[in-house]
């Protein structure tokens, strides 16, 4: 019977689970499902959702010793601990739950550093270099924060074009790109559709329009992107000032991974805020970080 561990990465769009050999980390089973139905408002429901997909993976032919879950929406240690207790009870296996951004550093093969996610949402996380306490910055949601995320970039782009309209400034391509992406004829309709038709949950899907406008020469779109990347870098600096181990920065998320312009803006500001600290895009799937953390519990 193989001694095994399981790692889970619950993202905003999809959830990936891996069963792995506890000694070598070799993958024994791999499952990806949509994250539809995932929420953390009710922890018993969240645990039941995870258990429904994990149970088939916990093959009786393997002795599963530990499960680590990186959970989108678990924002505090207490929240994570309570979900871990619920899931341990549901599956009968010792479980650790962390914020999904905490998977990035171990997925990169590192034992310390800061993780940055910039996808539909955005957050920066790390651990205190002395106490090991969890630290986070950003991640306040698409309405109030999440600077550098797809949703926030679209929000800030819309605010920029509305502000230019108020000032009577010339349109430089960003307004046209947003109107075309949202399928509306003018700015009043843009404001209405962003406010009432699906709201913030739909904003991130329109971020390609912002980058396309910047590539086409829109100075407004370029400024929005540079501001978003700069804000992410300043959040990393905030964690460093609060005592986080910030010798390495690992970046992931669908927006920053696929948009070099945003990554460049982030790196430029990071170099200003924390000279000598380099950022790298995560090459491995984040679920490998959950597997690595689970394997460490057995060493």
C-alpha atoms as a PDB file:
ATOM      1  CA  UNK A   1       0.000   0.000   0.000  1.00  0.00           C
ATOM      2  CA  UNK A   2       1.444   3.393  -1.070  1.00  0.00           C
ATOM      3  CA  UNK A   3       1.690   6.135   1.539  1.00  0.00           C
ATOM      4  CA  UNK A   4       0.131   9.139  -0.163  1.00  0.00           C
ATOM      5  CA  UNK A   5      -0.839  12.763   0.296  1.00  0.00           C
ATOM      6  CA  UNK A   6      -3.296  14.953  -1.570  1.00  0.00           C
ATOM      7  CA  UNK A   7      -3.012  18.554  -2.722  1.00  0.00           C
ATOM      8  CA  UNK A   8      -5.872  20.800  -3.799  1.00  0.00           C
ATOM      9  CA  UNK A   9      -5.848  24.204  -5.498  1.00  0.00           C
ATOM     10  CA  UNK A  10      -9.272  25.847  -5.359  1.00  0.00           C
ATOM     11  CA  UNK A  11      -9.147  28.837  -7.696  1.00  0.00           C
ATOM     12  CA  UNK A  12     -11.835  31.266  -8.696  1.00  0.00           C
ATOM     13  CA  UNK A  13     -12.456  29.462 -11.989  1.00  0.00           C
ATOM     14  CA  UNK A  14     -11.226  25.889 -11.623  1.00  0.00           C
ATOM     15  CA  UNK A  15     -10.142  23.457  -8.934  1.00  0.00           C
ATOM     16  CA  UNK A  16      -7.305  20.980  -9.395  1.00  0.00           C
ATOM     17  CA  UNK A  17      -6.608  18.022  -7.112  1.00  0.00           C
ATOM     18  CA  UNK A  18      -3.661  15.628  -7.097  1.00  0.00           C
ATOM     19  CA  UNK A  19      -2.973  12.447  -5.158  1.00  0.00           C
ATOM     20  CA  UNK A  20       0.776  11.916  -4.820  1.00  0.00           C
ATOM     21  CA  UNK A  21       3.318   9.543  -3.329  1.00  0.00           C
ATOM     22  CA  UNK A  22       4.212  10.992   0.076  1.00  0.00           C
ATOM     23  CA  UNK A  23       7.886  10.175  -0.341  1.00  0.00           C
ATOM     24  CA  UNK A  24       8.600  11.172  -3.911  1.00  0.00           C
ATOM     25  CA  UNK A  25       5.770  13.558  -4.763  1.00  0.00           C
ATOM     26  CA  UNK A  26       5.023  11.523  -7.898  1.00  0.00           C
ATOM     27  CA  UNK A  27       1.443  12.044  -9.064  1.00  0.00           C
ATOM     28  CA  UNK A  28      -0.853   9.053  -8.619  1.00  0.00           C
ATOM     29  CA  UNK A  29      -4.110  10.715  -9.677  1.00  0.00           C
ATOM     30  CA  UNK A  30      -5.062  14.111 -11.096  1.00  0.00           C
ATOM     31  CA  UNK A  31      -8.493  15.752 -11.339  1.00  0.00           C
ATOM     32  CA  UNK A  32      -9.622  19.184 -12.550  1.00  0.00           C
ATOM     33  CA  UNK A  33     -13.180  20.447 -12.071  1.00  0.00           C
ATOM     34  CA  UNK A  34     -14.957  23.779 -12.410  1.00  0.00           C
ATOM     35  CA  UNK A  35     -15.097  25.833  -9.213  1.00  0.00           C
ATOM     36  CA  UNK A  36     -18.788  26.583  -9.758  1.00  0.00           C
ATOM     37  CA  UNK A  37     -20.543  26.035  -6.457  1.00  0.00           C
ATOM     38  CA  UNK A  38     -17.460  26.854  -4.402  1.00  0.00           C
ATOM     39  CA  UNK A  39     -17.951  29.359  -1.585  1.00  0.00           C
ATOM     40  CA  UNK A  40     -16.568  29.892   1.906  1.00  0.00           C
ATOM     41  CA  UNK A  41     -19.513  31.627   3.560  1.00  0.00           C
ATOM     42  CA  UNK A  42     -20.745  28.272   4.890  1.00  0.00           C
ATOM     43  CA  UNK A  43     -17.778  26.150   5.935  1.00  0.00           C
ATOM     44  CA  UNK A  44     -19.768  22.899   6.261  1.00  0.00           C
ATOM     45  CA  UNK A  45     -20.979  23.391   2.680  1.00  0.00           C
ATOM     46  CA  UNK A  46     -17.457  24.227   1.503  1.00  0.00           C
ATOM     47  CA  UNK A  47     -16.114  21.069   3.170  1.00  0.00           C
ATOM     48  CA  UNK A  48     -18.900  18.975   1.649  1.00  0.00           C
ATOM     49  CA  UNK A  49     -18.141  20.435  -1.811  1.00  0.00           C
ATOM     50  CA  UNK A  50     -14.455  19.539  -1.483  1.00  0.00           C
ATOM     51  CA  UNK A  51     -15.193  16.096  -0.033  1.00  0.00           C
ATOM     52  CA  UNK A  52     -17.499  15.204  -2.938  1.00  0.00           C
ATOM     53  CA  UNK A  53     -14.551  15.514  -5.338  1.00  0.00           C
ATOM     54  CA  UNK A  54     -11.803  14.317  -2.999  1.00  0.00           C
ATOM     55  CA  UNK A  55     -13.431  11.070  -1.883  1.00  0.00           C
ATOM     56  CA  UNK A  56     -13.081   9.307  -5.267  1.00  0.00           C
ATOM     57  CA  UNK A  57      -9.419  10.380  -5.342  1.00  0.00           C
ATOM     58  CA  UNK A  58      -8.702   8.865  -1.907  1.00  0.00           C
ATOM     59  CA  UNK A  59      -8.312   5.371  -3.329  1.00  0.00           C
ATOM     60  CA  UNK A  60      -8.434   2.627  -0.659  1.00  0.00           C
ATOM     61  CA  UNK A  61      -5.314   1.204  -2.306  1.00  0.00           C
ATOM     62  CA  UNK A  62      -3.348   4.167  -0.915  1.00  0.00           C
ATOM     63  CA  UNK A  63      -2.810   5.186   2.693  1.00  0.00           C
ATOM     64  CA  UNK A  64      -3.510   8.926   2.524  1.00  0.00           C
ATOM     65  CA  UNK A  65      -1.768  10.657   5.414  1.00  0.00           C
ATOM     66  CA  UNK A  66      -2.436  14.356   4.815  1.00  0.00           C
ATOM     67  CA  UNK A  67      -4.394  16.734   2.579  1.00  0.00           C
ATOM     68  CA  UNK A  68      -3.402  20.358   1.906  1.00  0.00           C
ATOM     69  CA  UNK A  69      -5.926  22.722   0.337  1.00  0.00           C
ATOM     70  CA  UNK A  70      -5.109  26.122  -1.107  1.00  0.00           C
ATOM     71  CA  UNK A  71      -8.513  27.766  -0.931  1.00  0.00           C
ATOM     72  CA  UNK A  72      -9.660  30.844  -2.812  1.00  0.00           C
ATOM     73  CA  UNK A  73     -11.758  32.906  -0.393  1.00  0.00           C
ATOM     74  CA  UNK A  74     -10.069  31.750   2.838  1.00  0.00           C
ATOM     75  CA  UNK A  75      -8.493  35.031   3.883  1.00  0.00           C
ATOM     76  CA  UNK A  76      -7.502  34.563   7.548  1.00  0.00           C
ATOM     77  CA  UNK A  77      -5.702  31.816   9.511  1.00  0.00           C
ATOM     78  CA  UNK A  78      -8.807  31.297  11.643  1.00  0.00           C
ATOM     79  CA  UNK A  79     -10.991  30.897   8.555  1.00  0.00           C
ATOM     80  CA  UNK A  80      -8.522  28.377   7.128  1.00  0.00           C
ATOM     81  CA  UNK A  81      -8.286  26.438  10.395  1.00  0.00           C
ATOM     82  CA  UNK A  82     -12.049  26.159  10.727  1.00  0.00           C
ATOM     83  CA  UNK A  83     -12.406  24.870   7.156  1.00  0.00           C
ATOM     84  CA  UNK A  84      -9.581  22.390   7.811  1.00  0.00           C
ATOM     85  CA  UNK A  85     -11.455  20.986  10.811  1.00  0.00           C
ATOM     86  CA  UNK A  86     -14.655  20.662   8.791  1.00  0.00           C
ATOM     87  CA  UNK A  87     -12.888  18.880   5.941  1.00  0.00           C
ATOM     88  CA  UNK A  88     -10.947  16.576   8.289  1.00  0.00           C
ATOM     89  CA  UNK A  89     -14.261  15.493   9.743  1.00  0.00           C
ATOM     90  CA  UNK A  90     -15.798  15.006   6.301  1.00  0.00           C
ATOM     91  CA  UNK A  91     -13.022  12.866   4.772  1.00  0.00           C
ATOM     92  CA  UNK A  92     -11.342  11.378   7.845  1.00  0.00           C
ATOM     93  CA  UNK A  93      -7.866  12.563   6.831  1.00  0.00           C
ATOM     94  CA  UNK A  94      -5.777  15.227   8.556  1.00  0.00           C
ATOM     95  CA  UNK A  95      -6.121  18.430   6.541  1.00  0.00           C
ATOM     96  CA  UNK A  96      -4.389  21.793   6.346  1.00  0.00           C
ATOM     97  CA  UNK A  97      -6.002  24.754   4.580  1.00  0.00           C
ATOM     98  CA  UNK A  98      -4.153  27.860   3.389  1.00  0.00           C
ATOM     99  CA  UNK A  99      -5.027  30.740   1.090  1.00  0.00           C
ATOM    100  CA  UNK A 100      -4.533  29.630  -2.514  1.00  0.00           C
ATOM    101  CA  UNK A 101      -1.825  32.263  -3.035  1.00  0.00           C
ATOM    102  CA  UNK A 102       0.314  30.440  -0.443  1.00  0.00           C
ATOM    103  CA  UNK A 103       0.771  27.590  -2.915  1.00  0.00           C
ATOM    104  CA  UNK A 104       2.938  29.643  -5.287  1.00  0.00           C
ATOM    105  CA  UNK A 105       6.190  29.694  -3.318  1.00  0.00           C
ATOM    106  CA  UNK A 106       6.324  25.930  -2.584  1.00  0.00           C
ATOM    107  CA  UNK A 107       5.159  25.204  -6.139  1.00  0.00           C
ATOM    108  CA  UNK A 108       8.264  27.065  -7.313  1.00  0.00           C
ATOM    109  CA  UNK A 109      10.418  24.807  -5.155  1.00  0.00           C
ATOM    110  CA  UNK A 110      11.143  27.497  -2.559  1.00  0.00           C
ATOM    111  CA  UNK A 111      10.810  27.398   1.212  1.00  0.00           C
ATOM    112  CA  UNK A 112      10.224  31.133   1.624  1.00  0.00           C
ATOM    113  CA  UNK A 113       9.099  34.160  -0.316  1.00  0.00           C
ATOM    114  CA  UNK A 114       6.075  36.213  -1.314  1.00  0.00           C
ATOM    115  CA  UNK A 115       3.305  34.928  -3.558  1.00  0.00           C
ATOM    116  CA  UNK A 116       1.432  37.290  -5.881  1.00  0.00           C
ATOM    117  CA  UNK A 117      -1.754  36.318  -7.697  1.00  0.00           C
ATOM    118  CA  UNK A 118      -3.145  38.608 -10.382  1.00  0.00           C
ATOM    119  CA  UNK A 119      -5.977  36.960 -12.233  1.00  0.00           C
ATOM    120  CA  UNK A 120      -9.660  37.772 -11.988  1.00  0.00           C
ATOM    121  CA  UNK A 121      -8.806  38.995  -8.493  1.00  0.00           C
ATOM    122  CA  UNK A 122      -5.463  39.824  -6.867  1.00  0.00           C
ATOM    123  CA  UNK A 123      -3.722  39.284  -3.537  1.00  0.00           C
ATOM    124  CA  UNK A 124      -0.185  39.241  -2.114  1.00  0.00           C
ATOM    125  CA  UNK A 125       0.724  36.817   0.695  1.00  0.00           C
ATOM    126  CA  UNK A 126       3.763  35.764   2.697  1.00  0.00           C
ATOM    127  CA  UNK A 127       5.019  34.614   6.089  1.00  0.00           C
ATOM    128  CA  UNK A 128       6.818  36.606   8.773  1.00  0.00           C
ATOM    129  CA  UNK A 129      10.520  35.816   8.581  1.00  0.00           C
ATOM    130  CA  UNK A 130      10.788  35.313  12.365  1.00  0.00           C
ATOM    131  CA  UNK A 131       7.414  34.154  13.675  1.00  0.00           C
ATOM    132  CA  UNK A 132       6.089  32.454  10.547  1.00  0.00           C
ATOM    133  CA  UNK A 133       2.785  34.299  10.934  1.00  0.00           C
ATOM    134  CA  UNK A 134       0.616  34.624   7.839  1.00  0.00           C
ATOM    135  CA  UNK A 135       0.699  38.072   6.219  1.00  0.00           C
ATOM    136  CA  UNK A 136      -1.402  39.395   3.367  1.00  0.00           C
ATOM    137  CA  UNK A 137      -1.993  42.625   1.490  1.00  0.00           C
ATOM    138  CA  UNK A 138      -4.650  43.505  -1.042  1.00  0.00           C
ATOM    139  CA  UNK A 139      -7.329  41.034  -1.953  1.00  0.00           C
ATOM    140  CA  UNK A 140     -10.086  43.347  -0.757  1.00  0.00           C
ATOM    141  CA  UNK A 141     -12.427  42.496  -3.607  1.00  0.00           C
ATOM    142  CA  UNK A 142     -13.143  43.855  -7.049  1.00  0.00           C
ATOM    143  CA  UNK A 143     -15.170  46.862  -5.878  1.00  0.00           C
ATOM    144  CA  UNK A 144     -12.790  48.188  -3.226  1.00  0.00           C
ATOM    145  CA  UNK A 145      -9.401  46.843  -4.259  1.00  0.00           C
ATOM    146  CA  UNK A 146      -7.700  43.922  -6.064  1.00  0.00           C
ATOM    147  CA  UNK A 147      -5.445  46.368  -7.912  1.00  0.00           C
ATOM    148  CA  UNK A 148      -3.683  44.726 -10.833  1.00  0.00           C
ATOM    149  CA  UNK A 149      -6.391  42.100 -11.316  1.00  0.00           C
ATOM    150  CA  UNK A 150      -8.432  41.748 -14.481  1.00  0.00           C
ATOM    151  CA  UNK A 151     -11.532  43.077 -12.796  1.00  0.00           C
ATOM    152  CA  UNK A 152      -9.746  46.079 -11.280  1.00  0.00           C
ATOM    153  CA  UNK A 153      -8.023  46.963 -14.554  1.00  0.00           C
ATOM    154  CA  UNK A 154     -11.395  47.062 -16.317  1.00  0.00           C
ATOM    155  CA  UNK A 155     -12.870  49.082 -13.442  1.00  0.00           C
ATOM    156  CA  UNK A 156     -10.003  51.575 -13.550  1.00  0.00           C
ATOM    157  CA  UNK A 157     -10.111  51.762 -17.348  1.00  0.00           C
ATOM    158  CA  UNK A 158     -13.816  52.607 -17.240  1.00  0.00           C
ATOM    159  CA  UNK A 159     -13.239  55.257 -14.572  1.00  0.00           C
ATOM    160  CA  UNK A 160     -10.480  56.756 -16.708  1.00  0.00           C
ATOM    161  CA  UNK A 161     -12.619  57.087 -19.837  1.00  0.00           C
ATOM    162  CA  UNK A 162     -15.556  58.465 -17.849  1.00  0.00           C
ATOM    163  CA  UNK A 163     -13.240  61.004 -16.244  1.00  0.00           C
ATOM    164  CA  UNK A 164     -11.886  62.023 -19.643  1.00  0.00           C
ATOM    165  CA  UNK A 165     -15.441  62.473 -20.884  1.00  0.00           C
ATOM    166  CA  UNK A 166     -16.217  64.724 -17.915  1.00  0.00           C
ATOM    167  CA  UNK A 167     -13.168  66.831 -18.789  1.00  0.00           C
ATOM    168  CA  UNK A 168     -13.986  66.923 -22.494  1.00  0.00           C
ATOM    169  CA  UNK A 169     -10.649  65.282 -23.312  1.00  0.00           C
ATOM    170  CA  UNK A 170     -10.037  63.546 -26.628  1.00  0.00           C
ATOM    171  CA  UNK A 171     -10.705  59.814 -26.751  1.00  0.00           C
ATOM    172  CA  UNK A 172      -7.537  57.816 -27.481  1.00  0.00           C
ATOM    173  CA  UNK A 173      -8.856  54.338 -28.228  1.00  0.00           C
ATOM    174  CA  UNK A 174      -9.617  52.947 -24.784  1.00  0.00           C
ATOM    175  CA  UNK A 175     -13.203  54.184 -24.782  1.00  0.00           C
ATOM    176  CA  UNK A 176     -13.888  52.606 -28.159  1.00  0.00           C
ATOM    177  CA  UNK A 177     -12.301  49.336 -27.020  1.00  0.00           C
ATOM    178  CA  UNK A 178     -14.466  49.147 -23.896  1.00  0.00           C
ATOM    179  CA  UNK A 179     -17.674  50.026 -25.722  1.00  0.00           C
ATOM    180  CA  UNK A 180     -16.962  47.344 -28.305  1.00  0.00           C
ATOM    181  CA  UNK A 181     -16.110  44.743 -25.676  1.00  0.00           C
ATOM    182  CA  UNK A 182     -19.250  45.398 -23.620  1.00  0.00           C
ATOM    183  CA  UNK A 183     -21.405  45.699 -26.753  1.00  0.00           C
ATOM    184  CA  UNK A 184     -22.869  49.099 -25.871  1.00  0.00           C
ATOM    185  CA  UNK A 185     -23.189  52.286 -27.956  1.00  0.00           C
ATOM    186  CA  UNK A 186     -22.011  54.918 -25.470  1.00  0.00           C
ATOM    187  CA  UNK A 187     -20.676  55.779 -22.054  1.00  0.00           C
ATOM    188  CA  UNK A 188     -24.067  56.014 -20.281  1.00  0.00           C
ATOM    189  CA  UNK A 189     -24.788  52.461 -21.403  1.00  0.00           C
ATOM    190  CA  UNK A 190     -21.289  51.349 -20.361  1.00  0.00           C
ATOM    191  CA  UNK A 191     -21.807  52.718 -16.866  1.00  0.00           C
ATOM    192  CA  UNK A 192     -25.206  51.041 -16.658  1.00  0.00           C
ATOM    193  CA  UNK A 193     -24.100  47.634 -17.903  1.00  0.00           C
ATOM    194  CA  UNK A 194     -21.076  47.586 -15.585  1.00  0.00           C
ATOM    195  CA  UNK A 195     -23.176  48.603 -12.612  1.00  0.00           C
ATOM    196  CA  UNK A 196     -26.241  46.459 -13.090  1.00  0.00           C
ATOM    197  CA  UNK A 197     -25.828  43.702 -15.708  1.00  0.00           C
ATOM    198  CA  UNK A 198     -23.816  41.086 -13.860  1.00  0.00           C
ATOM    199  CA  UNK A 199     -21.796  43.658 -11.982  1.00  0.00           C
ATOM    200  CA  UNK A 200     -18.207  43.077 -10.969  1.00  0.00           C
ATOM    201  CA  UNK A 201     -18.405  39.343 -11.569  1.00  0.00           C
ATOM    202  CA  UNK A 202     -18.368  40.038 -15.314  1.00  0.00           C
ATOM    203  CA  UNK A 203     -15.701  42.743 -15.471  1.00  0.00           C
ATOM    204  CA  UNK A 204     -12.626  40.520 -15.702  1.00  0.00           C
ATOM    205  CA  UNK A 205     -13.736  38.970 -18.995  1.00  0.00           C
ATOM    206  CA  UNK A 206     -13.251  42.353 -20.674  1.00  0.00           C
ATOM    207  CA  UNK A 207      -9.623  42.933 -19.639  1.00  0.00           C
ATOM    208  CA  UNK A 208      -8.232  41.874 -23.066  1.00  0.00           C
ATOM    209  CA  UNK A 209      -9.808  45.058 -24.450  1.00  0.00           C
ATOM    210  CA  UNK A 210      -7.671  47.171 -22.115  1.00  0.00           C
ATOM    211  CA  UNK A 211      -4.449  45.483 -23.186  1.00  0.00           C
ATOM    212  CA  UNK A 212      -5.445  45.613 -26.861  1.00  0.00           C
ATOM    213  CA  UNK A 213      -6.041  49.344 -26.555  1.00  0.00           C
ATOM    214  CA  UNK A 214      -2.629  49.810 -24.954  1.00  0.00           C
ATOM    215  CA  UNK A 215      -0.964  47.819 -27.730  1.00  0.00           C
ATOM    216  CA  UNK A 216      -2.775  50.003 -30.280  1.00  0.00           C
ATOM    217  CA  UNK A 217      -1.279  53.123 -28.708  1.00  0.00           C
ATOM    218  CA  UNK A 218      -3.769  54.248 -26.060  1.00  0.00           C
ATOM    219  CA  UNK A 219      -1.828  56.233 -23.462  1.00  0.00           C
ATOM    220  CA  UNK A 220      -4.814  55.998 -21.108  1.00  0.00           C
ATOM    221  CA  UNK A 221      -4.880  52.202 -21.234  1.00  0.00           C
ATOM    222  CA  UNK A 222      -1.115  52.068 -20.773  1.00  0.00           C
ATOM    223  CA  UNK A 223      -1.356  54.303 -17.699  1.00  0.00           C
ATOM    224  CA  UNK A 224      -4.073  52.085 -16.197  1.00  0.00           C
ATOM    225  CA  UNK A 225      -1.909  48.987 -16.679  1.00  0.00           C
ATOM    226  CA  UNK A 226       1.210  50.639 -15.267  1.00  0.00           C
ATOM    227  CA  UNK A 227      -0.754  51.814 -12.236  1.00  0.00           C
ATOM    228  CA  UNK A 228      -2.125  48.308 -11.667  1.00  0.00           C
ATOM    229  CA  UNK A 229       1.285  46.669 -11.876  1.00  0.00           C
ATOM    230  CA  UNK A 230       2.799  49.342  -9.653  1.00  0.00           C
ATOM    231  CA  UNK A 231       0.102  48.841  -7.028  1.00  0.00           C
ATOM    232  CA  UNK A 232       0.845  45.103  -6.882  1.00  0.00           C
ATOM    233  CA  UNK A 233       4.547  45.776  -6.382  1.00  0.00           C
ATOM    234  CA  UNK A 234       3.839  48.259  -3.603  1.00  0.00           C
ATOM    235  CA  UNK A 235       1.795  45.581  -1.819  1.00  0.00           C
ATOM    236  CA  UNK A 236       4.851  43.317  -1.880  1.00  0.00           C
ATOM    237  CA  UNK A 237       6.855  46.155  -0.348  1.00  0.00           C
ATOM    238  CA  UNK A 238       4.168  46.553   2.330  1.00  0.00           C
ATOM    239  CA  UNK A 239       4.626  42.901   3.341  1.00  0.00           C
ATOM    240  CA  UNK A 240       8.404  43.293   3.409  1.00  0.00           C
ATOM    241  CA  UNK A 241       8.071  46.283   5.754  1.00  0.00           C
ATOM    242  CA  UNK A 242       5.780  44.218   7.964  1.00  0.00           C
ATOM    243  CA  UNK A 243       8.471  41.551   8.309  1.00  0.00           C
ATOM    244  CA  UNK A 244       7.680  39.113   5.511  1.00  0.00           C
ATOM    245  CA  UNK A 245      10.400  36.919   4.057  1.00  0.00           C
ATOM    246  CA  UNK A 246      10.650  38.692   0.708  1.00  0.00           C
ATOM    247  CA  UNK A 247      13.871  37.391  -0.777  1.00  0.00           C
ATOM    248  CA  UNK A 248      11.924  35.840  -3.644  1.00  0.00           C
ATOM    249  CA  UNK A 249       8.654  36.831  -5.301  1.00  0.00           C
ATOM    250  CA  UNK A 250       6.621  34.261  -7.220  1.00  0.00           C
ATOM    251  CA  UNK A 251       3.859  35.511  -9.514  1.00  0.00           C
ATOM    252  CA  UNK A 252       0.891  33.675 -10.997  1.00  0.00           C
ATOM    253  CA  UNK A 253      -2.617  34.311 -12.271  1.00  0.00           C
ATOM    254  CA  UNK A 254      -4.171  34.310 -15.710  1.00  0.00           C
ATOM    255  CA  UNK A 255      -3.839  38.053 -16.301  1.00  0.00           C
ATOM    256  CA  UNK A 256      -0.256  38.740 -15.258  1.00  0.00           C
ATOM    257  CA  UNK A 257       1.003  35.429 -16.692  1.00  0.00           C
ATOM    258  CA  UNK A 258      -0.404  36.189 -20.130  1.00  0.00           C
ATOM    259  CA  UNK A 259       0.134  39.941 -20.310  1.00  0.00           C
ATOM    260  CA  UNK A 260       3.836  40.926 -20.440  1.00  0.00           C
ATOM    261  CA  UNK A 261       2.924  44.612 -20.210  1.00  0.00           C
ATOM    262  CA  UNK A 262       1.451  44.114 -16.727  1.00  0.00           C
ATOM    263  CA  UNK A 263       4.370  41.939 -15.607  1.00  0.00           C
ATOM    264  CA  UNK A 264       6.835  44.576 -16.820  1.00  0.00           C
ATOM    265  CA  UNK A 265       5.007  47.308 -14.888  1.00  0.00           C
ATOM    266  CA  UNK A 266       5.092  45.117 -11.777  1.00  0.00           C
ATOM    267  CA  UNK A 267       8.804  44.356 -12.146  1.00  0.00           C
ATOM    268  CA  UNK A 268       9.719  48.001 -12.754  1.00  0.00           C
ATOM    269  CA  UNK A 269       8.002  49.177  -9.589  1.00  0.00           C
ATOM    270  CA  UNK A 270       9.312  46.197  -7.598  1.00  0.00           C
ATOM    271  CA  UNK A 271      12.864  47.149  -8.560  1.00  0.00           C
ATOM    272  CA  UNK A 272      12.181  50.648  -7.228  1.00  0.00           C
ATOM    273  CA  UNK A 273      10.543  49.458  -4.018  1.00  0.00           C
ATOM    274  CA  UNK A 274      12.798  46.473  -3.227  1.00  0.00           C
ATOM    275  CA  UNK A 275      16.089  46.745  -5.133  1.00  0.00           C
ATOM    276  CA  UNK A 276      17.689  43.366  -5.752  1.00  0.00           C
ATOM    277  CA  UNK A 277      14.503  41.349  -5.284  1.00  0.00           C
ATOM    278  CA  UNK A 278      13.578  39.522  -8.471  1.00  0.00           C
ATOM    279  CA  UNK A 279      10.143  38.277  -9.462  1.00  0.00           C
ATOM    280  CA  UNK A 280       9.523  35.110 -11.433  1.00  0.00           C
ATOM    281  CA  UNK A 281       6.434  33.755 -13.119  1.00  0.00           C
ATOM    282  CA  UNK A 282       5.392  30.402 -11.718  1.00  0.00           C
ATOM    283  CA  UNK A 283       6.007  27.645 -14.251  1.00  0.00           C
ATOM    284  CA  UNK A 284       4.481  24.729 -12.324  1.00  0.00           C
ATOM    285  CA  UNK A 285       0.747  24.396 -11.635  1.00  0.00           C
ATOM    286  CA  UNK A 286      -0.094  25.824  -8.184  1.00  0.00           C
ATOM    287  CA  UNK A 287      -1.512  22.466  -7.073  1.00  0.00           C
ATOM    288  CA  UNK A 288       2.096  21.258  -6.927  1.00  0.00           C
ATOM    289  CA  UNK A 289       2.557  23.676  -4.045  1.00  0.00           C
ATOM    290  CA  UNK A 290      -0.251  21.979  -2.141  1.00  0.00           C
ATOM    291  CA  UNK A 291       1.333  18.570  -2.805  1.00  0.00           C
ATOM    292  CA  UNK A 292       4.727  19.853  -1.637  1.00  0.00           C
ATOM    293  CA  UNK A 293       3.267  21.263   1.590  1.00  0.00           C
ATOM    294  CA  UNK A 294       1.485  17.964   2.211  1.00  0.00           C
ATOM    295  CA  UNK A 295       4.693  15.995   1.593  1.00  0.00           C
ATOM    296  CA  UNK A 296       6.563  18.212   4.073  1.00  0.00           C
ATOM    297  CA  UNK A 297       4.192  17.072   6.831  1.00  0.00           C
ATOM    298  CA  UNK A 298       5.515  13.525   6.353  1.00  0.00           C
ATOM    299  CA  UNK A 299       9.251  14.357   6.412  1.00  0.00           C
END
